[in-house]
Structure formats: C-alpha cells, structure tokens
N, C-alpha and C. Protein backbone atom coordinates (compact mmCIF):
# COMPACT_ATOMS: atom_id res chain seq x y z
N MET A 1 -71.65 -26.40 141.99
CA MET A 1 -70.65 -25.36 141.90
C MET A 1 -71.14 -24.24 140.97
N LYS A 2 -71.70 -24.65 139.83
CA LYS A 2 -72.18 -23.66 138.86
C LYS A 2 -73.30 -22.82 139.47
N ARG A 3 -74.13 -23.45 140.28
CA ARG A 3 -75.24 -22.74 140.92
C ARG A 3 -74.74 -21.69 141.92
N LYS A 4 -73.66 -22.00 142.64
CA LYS A 4 -73.07 -21.05 143.58
C LYS A 4 -72.48 -19.85 142.86
N ILE A 5 -71.84 -20.08 141.73
CA ILE A 5 -71.25 -19.00 140.94
C ILE A 5 -72.35 -18.09 140.40
N ILE A 6 -73.39 -18.67 139.87
CA ILE A 6 -74.51 -17.88 139.34
C ILE A 6 -75.17 -17.10 140.47
N GLY A 7 -75.33 -17.71 141.63
CA GLY A 7 -75.91 -17.02 142.78
C GLY A 7 -75.04 -15.85 143.23
N ALA A 8 -73.73 -16.05 143.24
CA ALA A 8 -72.81 -14.97 143.64
C ALA A 8 -72.86 -13.82 142.65
N VAL A 9 -72.89 -14.13 141.36
CA VAL A 9 -72.97 -13.09 140.33
C VAL A 9 -74.29 -12.34 140.44
N ALA A 10 -75.38 -13.05 140.65
CA ALA A 10 -76.69 -12.40 140.81
C ALA A 10 -76.70 -11.51 142.05
N LEU A 11 -76.10 -11.95 143.12
CA LEU A 11 -76.02 -11.17 144.35
C LEU A 11 -75.24 -9.89 144.11
N ILE A 12 -74.14 -9.99 143.43
CA ILE A 12 -73.30 -8.83 143.15
C ILE A 12 -74.03 -7.85 142.24
N LEU A 13 -74.68 -8.36 141.20
CA LEU A 13 -75.43 -7.47 140.30
C LEU A 13 -76.55 -6.75 141.03
N CYS A 14 -77.27 -7.45 141.88
CA CYS A 14 -78.33 -6.80 142.64
C CYS A 14 -77.76 -5.74 143.57
N ALA A 15 -76.64 -6.03 144.18
CA ALA A 15 -76.01 -5.07 145.07
C ALA A 15 -75.58 -3.83 144.30
N MET A 16 -75.01 -4.03 143.15
CA MET A 16 -74.54 -2.90 142.35
C MET A 16 -75.72 -2.07 141.87
N ILE A 17 -76.78 -2.70 141.49
CA ILE A 17 -77.97 -1.99 141.05
C ILE A 17 -78.53 -1.15 142.18
N THR A 18 -78.63 -1.73 143.34
CA THR A 18 -79.18 -1.01 144.48
C THR A 18 -78.31 0.18 144.83
N VAL A 19 -77.03 -0.01 144.86
CA VAL A 19 -76.12 1.07 145.20
C VAL A 19 -76.23 2.20 144.20
N PHE A 20 -76.27 1.91 142.95
CA PHE A 20 -76.34 2.95 141.94
C PHE A 20 -77.66 3.70 141.98
N CYS A 21 -78.72 3.02 142.26
CA CYS A 21 -80.03 3.68 142.33
C CYS A 21 -80.14 4.62 143.51
N LEU A 22 -79.51 4.29 144.58
CA LEU A 22 -79.62 5.09 145.79
C LEU A 22 -78.93 6.44 145.68
N THR A 23 -77.96 6.58 144.82
CA THR A 23 -77.22 7.82 144.74
C THR A 23 -77.88 8.86 143.86
N ALA A 24 -78.91 8.53 143.13
CA ALA A 24 -79.51 9.45 142.17
C ALA A 24 -80.16 10.66 142.82
N CYS A 25 -80.59 10.57 144.04
CA CYS A 25 -81.30 11.67 144.68
C CYS A 25 -80.43 12.49 145.61
N GLY A 26 -79.17 12.50 145.42
CA GLY A 26 -78.27 13.21 146.32
C GLY A 26 -78.08 14.66 145.96
N GLY A 27 -79.15 15.36 145.60
CA GLY A 27 -79.07 16.77 145.24
C GLY A 27 -78.84 17.65 146.43
N ASN A 28 -78.53 18.93 146.15
CA ASN A 28 -78.27 19.91 147.19
C ASN A 28 -79.16 21.10 146.93
N SER A 29 -79.99 21.48 147.89
CA SER A 29 -80.85 22.64 147.70
C SER A 29 -80.29 23.80 148.48
N GLY A 30 -80.32 25.00 147.88
CA GLY A 30 -79.79 26.17 148.55
C GLY A 30 -80.83 27.27 148.58
N SER A 31 -80.68 28.21 149.53
CA SER A 31 -81.64 29.29 149.64
C SER A 31 -81.22 30.49 148.80
N GLY A 32 -79.95 30.52 148.39
CA GLY A 32 -79.52 31.58 147.52
C GLY A 32 -78.88 32.76 148.23
N SER A 33 -78.89 32.83 149.54
CA SER A 33 -78.29 33.98 150.23
C SER A 33 -76.79 33.77 150.39
N LYS A 34 -76.04 34.89 150.42
CA LYS A 34 -74.59 34.82 150.54
C LYS A 34 -74.18 34.22 151.88
N ALA A 35 -74.90 34.55 152.94
CA ALA A 35 -74.57 34.00 154.25
C ALA A 35 -74.69 32.48 154.23
N ASP A 36 -75.75 31.98 153.61
CA ASP A 36 -75.93 30.54 153.51
C ASP A 36 -74.84 29.91 152.65
N ASP A 37 -74.46 30.59 151.56
CA ASP A 37 -73.41 30.08 150.68
C ASP A 37 -72.08 29.98 151.42
N THR A 38 -71.75 30.97 152.22
CA THR A 38 -70.51 30.96 152.99
C THR A 38 -70.53 29.85 154.02
N THR A 39 -71.64 29.70 154.72
CA THR A 39 -71.77 28.64 155.71
C THR A 39 -71.68 27.28 155.04
N ALA A 40 -72.35 27.13 153.91
CA ALA A 40 -72.32 25.85 153.19
C ALA A 40 -70.91 25.52 152.73
N ALA A 41 -70.16 26.53 152.26
CA ALA A 41 -68.80 26.29 151.82
C ALA A 41 -67.92 25.85 152.98
N THR A 42 -68.10 26.47 154.13
CA THR A 42 -67.33 26.11 155.31
C THR A 42 -67.67 24.70 155.76
N GLU A 43 -68.95 24.37 155.78
CA GLU A 43 -69.38 23.03 156.18
C GLU A 43 -68.91 21.98 155.20
N ALA A 44 -68.88 22.34 153.90
CA ALA A 44 -68.47 21.38 152.89
C ALA A 44 -67.02 20.96 153.08
N THR A 45 -66.20 21.86 153.59
CA THR A 45 -64.80 21.51 153.79
C THR A 45 -64.59 20.67 155.04
N THR A 46 -65.52 20.71 155.96
CA THR A 46 -65.36 19.95 157.20
C THR A 46 -66.20 18.68 157.24
N GLU A 47 -67.24 18.61 156.45
CA GLU A 47 -68.13 17.45 156.51
C GLU A 47 -68.72 17.20 155.13
N GLU A 48 -68.70 15.93 154.72
CA GLU A 48 -69.29 15.55 153.45
C GLU A 48 -70.82 15.60 153.58
N PRO A 49 -71.52 16.00 152.49
CA PRO A 49 -72.97 15.99 152.55
C PRO A 49 -73.49 14.55 152.71
N LYS A 50 -74.56 14.43 153.44
CA LYS A 50 -75.14 13.10 153.68
C LYS A 50 -75.90 12.64 152.45
N SER A 51 -75.59 11.47 152.00
CA SER A 51 -76.26 10.88 150.85
C SER A 51 -77.64 10.38 151.25
N PRO A 52 -78.64 10.54 150.39
CA PRO A 52 -79.97 10.00 150.70
C PRO A 52 -79.99 8.47 150.69
N LEU A 53 -78.90 7.87 150.23
CA LEU A 53 -78.81 6.41 150.20
C LEU A 53 -78.52 5.83 151.57
N ILE A 54 -77.98 6.64 152.47
CA ILE A 54 -77.54 6.15 153.78
C ILE A 54 -78.71 5.50 154.50
N GLY A 55 -78.47 4.29 154.97
CA GLY A 55 -79.51 3.56 155.68
C GLY A 55 -79.63 2.14 155.15
N THR A 56 -80.68 1.47 155.54
CA THR A 56 -80.92 0.08 155.15
C THR A 56 -82.17 0.02 154.29
N TRP A 57 -82.05 -0.67 153.17
CA TRP A 57 -83.12 -0.80 152.18
C TRP A 57 -83.34 -2.29 151.92
N GLU A 58 -84.61 -2.71 151.84
CA GLU A 58 -84.87 -4.13 151.62
C GLU A 58 -85.85 -4.37 150.48
N ASN A 59 -85.68 -5.54 149.87
CA ASN A 59 -86.59 -6.02 148.85
C ASN A 59 -87.07 -7.37 149.37
N SER A 60 -88.28 -7.39 149.95
CA SER A 60 -88.77 -8.61 150.59
C SER A 60 -89.09 -9.70 149.57
N LYS A 61 -89.40 -9.33 148.33
CA LYS A 61 -89.70 -10.34 147.30
C LYS A 61 -88.47 -11.19 147.00
N GLU A 62 -87.29 -10.55 147.00
CA GLU A 62 -86.06 -11.26 146.68
C GLU A 62 -85.22 -11.58 147.91
N ASP A 63 -85.76 -11.29 149.10
CA ASP A 63 -85.05 -11.52 150.36
C ASP A 63 -83.65 -10.91 150.30
N SER A 64 -83.59 -9.62 149.86
CA SER A 64 -82.31 -8.94 149.75
C SER A 64 -82.34 -7.61 150.48
N VAL A 65 -81.17 -7.21 151.00
CA VAL A 65 -81.05 -5.99 151.80
C VAL A 65 -79.76 -5.27 151.43
N PHE A 66 -79.86 -3.97 151.19
CA PHE A 66 -78.70 -3.10 150.99
C PHE A 66 -78.54 -2.22 152.22
N THR A 67 -77.34 -2.09 152.71
CA THR A 67 -77.04 -1.14 153.78
C THR A 67 -75.94 -0.22 153.28
N PHE A 68 -76.23 1.09 153.27
CA PHE A 68 -75.27 2.12 152.86
C PHE A 68 -74.83 2.88 154.10
N ASN A 69 -73.54 2.90 154.37
CA ASN A 69 -72.99 3.57 155.54
C ASN A 69 -72.48 4.97 155.17
N PRO A 70 -72.48 5.90 156.12
CA PRO A 70 -72.01 7.27 155.85
C PRO A 70 -70.56 7.35 155.38
N ASP A 71 -69.74 6.33 155.69
CA ASP A 71 -68.33 6.36 155.30
C ASP A 71 -68.08 5.86 153.88
N GLY A 72 -69.15 5.58 153.12
CA GLY A 72 -69.01 5.13 151.73
C GLY A 72 -68.83 3.63 151.58
N THR A 73 -69.05 2.89 152.65
CA THR A 73 -69.01 1.43 152.56
C THR A 73 -70.44 0.90 152.63
N GLY A 74 -70.61 -0.34 152.25
CA GLY A 74 -71.93 -0.93 152.32
C GLY A 74 -71.88 -2.43 152.31
N THR A 75 -73.05 -3.01 152.54
CA THR A 75 -73.20 -4.46 152.53
C THR A 75 -74.47 -4.81 151.77
N TYR A 76 -74.38 -5.82 150.94
CA TYR A 76 -75.56 -6.33 150.26
C TYR A 76 -75.74 -7.77 150.73
N SER A 77 -76.95 -8.10 151.16
CA SER A 77 -77.25 -9.46 151.62
C SER A 77 -78.42 -10.01 150.85
N MET A 78 -78.30 -11.27 150.46
CA MET A 78 -79.38 -11.98 149.80
C MET A 78 -79.44 -13.36 150.41
N GLY A 79 -80.50 -13.58 151.18
CA GLY A 79 -80.58 -14.85 151.91
C GLY A 79 -79.44 -14.94 152.90
N GLU A 80 -78.66 -16.00 152.81
CA GLU A 80 -77.53 -16.21 153.72
C GLU A 80 -76.22 -15.63 153.19
N ASN A 81 -76.22 -15.14 151.95
CA ASN A 81 -75.02 -14.61 151.33
C ASN A 81 -74.92 -13.11 151.52
N SER A 82 -73.70 -12.61 151.69
CA SER A 82 -73.52 -11.16 151.81
C SER A 82 -72.26 -10.76 151.07
N LEU A 83 -72.23 -9.49 150.69
CA LEU A 83 -71.14 -8.94 149.89
C LEU A 83 -70.86 -7.53 150.36
N LYS A 84 -69.60 -7.18 150.55
CA LYS A 84 -69.22 -5.82 150.95
C LYS A 84 -68.82 -5.04 149.71
N PHE A 85 -69.10 -3.73 149.74
CA PHE A 85 -68.77 -2.87 148.62
C PHE A 85 -68.47 -1.46 149.12
N THR A 86 -67.95 -0.63 148.23
CA THR A 86 -67.81 0.79 148.50
C THR A 86 -68.63 1.52 147.44
N PHE A 87 -69.08 2.73 147.78
CA PHE A 87 -69.88 3.49 146.84
C PHE A 87 -69.57 4.98 146.96
N GLU A 88 -69.83 5.68 145.85
CA GLU A 88 -69.70 7.12 145.82
C GLU A 88 -70.96 7.68 145.18
N ASP A 89 -71.67 8.51 145.91
CA ASP A 89 -72.93 9.10 145.45
C ASP A 89 -72.60 10.28 144.53
N LYS A 90 -73.05 10.21 143.28
CA LYS A 90 -72.81 11.27 142.30
C LYS A 90 -74.09 12.02 141.96
N GLY A 91 -75.10 11.96 142.79
CA GLY A 91 -76.35 12.66 142.53
C GLY A 91 -77.44 11.69 142.11
N SER A 92 -77.58 11.42 140.82
CA SER A 92 -78.58 10.47 140.35
C SER A 92 -77.92 9.16 139.94
N THR A 93 -76.63 9.08 140.17
CA THR A 93 -75.86 7.89 139.85
C THR A 93 -74.92 7.61 141.01
N MET A 94 -74.66 6.35 141.25
CA MET A 94 -73.64 6.01 142.23
C MET A 94 -72.62 5.11 141.55
N VAL A 95 -71.40 5.25 141.98
CA VAL A 95 -70.32 4.41 141.50
C VAL A 95 -70.07 3.37 142.57
N VAL A 96 -70.27 2.11 142.21
CA VAL A 96 -70.14 1.01 143.15
C VAL A 96 -68.91 0.19 142.80
N LYS A 97 -68.12 -0.11 143.81
CA LYS A 97 -66.92 -0.91 143.59
C LYS A 97 -66.95 -2.13 144.49
N ILE A 98 -66.82 -3.27 143.85
CA ILE A 98 -66.71 -4.54 144.57
C ILE A 98 -65.36 -5.12 144.18
N ASP A 99 -64.48 -5.31 145.16
CA ASP A 99 -63.11 -5.71 144.88
C ASP A 99 -63.00 -6.90 143.93
N SER A 100 -63.74 -7.94 144.16
CA SER A 100 -63.62 -9.16 143.35
C SER A 100 -64.30 -9.06 142.00
N ILE A 101 -65.09 -8.01 141.78
CA ILE A 101 -65.86 -7.92 140.54
C ILE A 101 -65.51 -6.71 139.69
N GLY A 102 -65.37 -5.55 140.30
CA GLY A 102 -65.06 -4.35 139.55
C GLY A 102 -65.96 -3.20 139.94
N THR A 103 -66.02 -2.21 139.05
CA THR A 103 -66.76 -0.99 139.30
C THR A 103 -67.93 -0.88 138.32
N GLN A 104 -69.05 -0.34 138.79
CA GLN A 104 -70.22 -0.16 137.94
C GLN A 104 -70.93 1.12 138.33
N ASN A 105 -71.48 1.80 137.31
CA ASN A 105 -72.31 2.98 137.53
C ASN A 105 -73.75 2.54 137.60
N VAL A 106 -74.44 2.93 138.66
CA VAL A 106 -75.84 2.55 138.85
C VAL A 106 -76.67 3.83 138.99
N LYS A 107 -77.70 3.95 138.17
CA LYS A 107 -78.62 5.09 138.27
C LYS A 107 -79.63 4.78 139.36
N TYR A 108 -80.01 5.82 140.11
CA TYR A 108 -81.00 5.57 141.15
C TYR A 108 -81.93 6.77 141.31
N SER A 109 -83.06 6.50 141.94
CA SER A 109 -84.00 7.56 142.32
C SER A 109 -84.68 7.12 143.60
N ILE A 110 -85.02 8.13 144.41
CA ILE A 110 -85.70 7.86 145.67
C ILE A 110 -86.96 8.70 145.70
N GLU A 111 -88.08 8.04 145.92
CA GLU A 111 -89.37 8.71 146.08
C GLU A 111 -89.98 8.19 147.37
N GLY A 112 -90.09 9.09 148.35
CA GLY A 112 -90.60 8.68 149.66
C GLY A 112 -89.65 7.68 150.28
N ASN A 113 -90.14 6.49 150.58
CA ASN A 113 -89.30 5.45 151.17
C ASN A 113 -88.93 4.36 150.16
N LYS A 114 -89.05 4.68 148.86
CA LYS A 114 -88.75 3.71 147.79
C LYS A 114 -87.48 4.11 147.05
N LEU A 115 -86.59 3.16 146.89
CA LEU A 115 -85.35 3.33 146.15
C LEU A 115 -85.42 2.46 144.90
N SER A 116 -85.25 3.09 143.75
CA SER A 116 -85.21 2.35 142.49
C SER A 116 -83.81 2.47 141.92
N MET A 117 -83.22 1.34 141.53
CA MET A 117 -81.88 1.32 140.97
C MET A 117 -81.90 0.62 139.62
N THR A 118 -81.08 1.15 138.71
CA THR A 118 -80.94 0.54 137.39
C THR A 118 -79.46 0.42 137.08
N ASP A 119 -79.02 -0.79 136.77
CA ASP A 119 -77.60 -1.00 136.49
C ASP A 119 -77.28 -0.68 135.03
N GLU A 120 -76.01 -0.85 134.66
CA GLU A 120 -75.55 -0.53 133.31
C GLU A 120 -76.21 -1.40 132.26
N ALA A 121 -76.69 -2.58 132.64
CA ALA A 121 -77.37 -3.48 131.70
C ALA A 121 -78.85 -3.16 131.56
N GLY A 122 -79.35 -2.17 132.32
CA GLY A 122 -80.75 -1.79 132.25
C GLY A 122 -81.67 -2.56 133.18
N VAL A 123 -81.10 -3.36 134.07
CA VAL A 123 -81.90 -4.14 135.01
C VAL A 123 -82.26 -3.24 136.19
N SER A 124 -83.56 -3.17 136.52
CA SER A 124 -84.04 -2.32 137.60
C SER A 124 -84.55 -3.14 138.77
N VAL A 125 -84.32 -2.59 139.98
CA VAL A 125 -84.75 -3.23 141.21
C VAL A 125 -85.26 -2.14 142.14
N GLU A 126 -86.29 -2.46 142.94
CA GLU A 126 -86.84 -1.50 143.88
C GLU A 126 -86.69 -2.01 145.30
N PHE A 127 -86.35 -1.08 146.22
CA PHE A 127 -86.17 -1.40 147.63
C PHE A 127 -86.98 -0.42 148.47
N THR A 128 -87.32 -0.85 149.68
CA THR A 128 -88.04 -0.01 150.63
C THR A 128 -87.14 0.26 151.83
N LYS A 129 -87.12 1.50 152.29
CA LYS A 129 -86.28 1.87 153.43
C LYS A 129 -86.82 1.25 154.71
N LYS A 130 -85.94 0.68 155.50
CA LYS A 130 -86.33 0.07 156.79
C LYS A 130 -86.33 1.13 157.86
C-alpha cells in the first residue's frame, strides 16, 4: 500500500514538473506594425494563442509521457498509471492543477524538441517531443 502511495505521489510530481516546464516558452513575437497589432488584437479575442507545450512529450528513461491538449487539459502517464490535470501556460511558467493534489507552478523551457521542467521543489525533468 505504501509503495502505491509513493508511486502515485511521484507520478503526480513528475506530471506537475513537466507541465510547468512546457509553459516557459509561450512567448509572443510581433513585427511591430499597426496593421499586425490590430489583426493580433482581433485574433486574440477570438482564439487563444497556441502554447508551445501542446503535444505529446516523453521521457523514455522513466517510461513517462505528458500530453498537453489545446483546451488546457492534459494527461501524465508513467508505466501503467495515468493522471489527468489542467494547465495554464504563463510564458516560462505553467500553473498545473490536479484535483486530488492541488496546484503547482512549474518553470519550463523548450529548446528544439526538448522540454525541461522544474517544479517548486527544484526537481528538474527533461522530455522529448513525439
């Protein structure tokens, strides 16, 4: 029983770390022209910007996978266990909420196809985009 609890907590922490790391690269680049600014403002009211976290990321060493959906939901899987969560991309940080556990801020960065996440405790994990 104790082993299952520790495994569930580890799964949740890894999921939260991954989610937080993925949101760090959600910047917005602009060209600076007024026409582009007006178009961007109009688009912003009709459609949320796409987070660079969207997609499936895996860590083959730990047999774990994060999936971030465009609607702000996600799934973290480790082996046969899986956990659902919601996330909000804040740029270089994501806010991850897991109903049974709570909310955590996770810092992230994306370089190429690599996602690095660091949780509030300073634990870092790296994933590769599938």
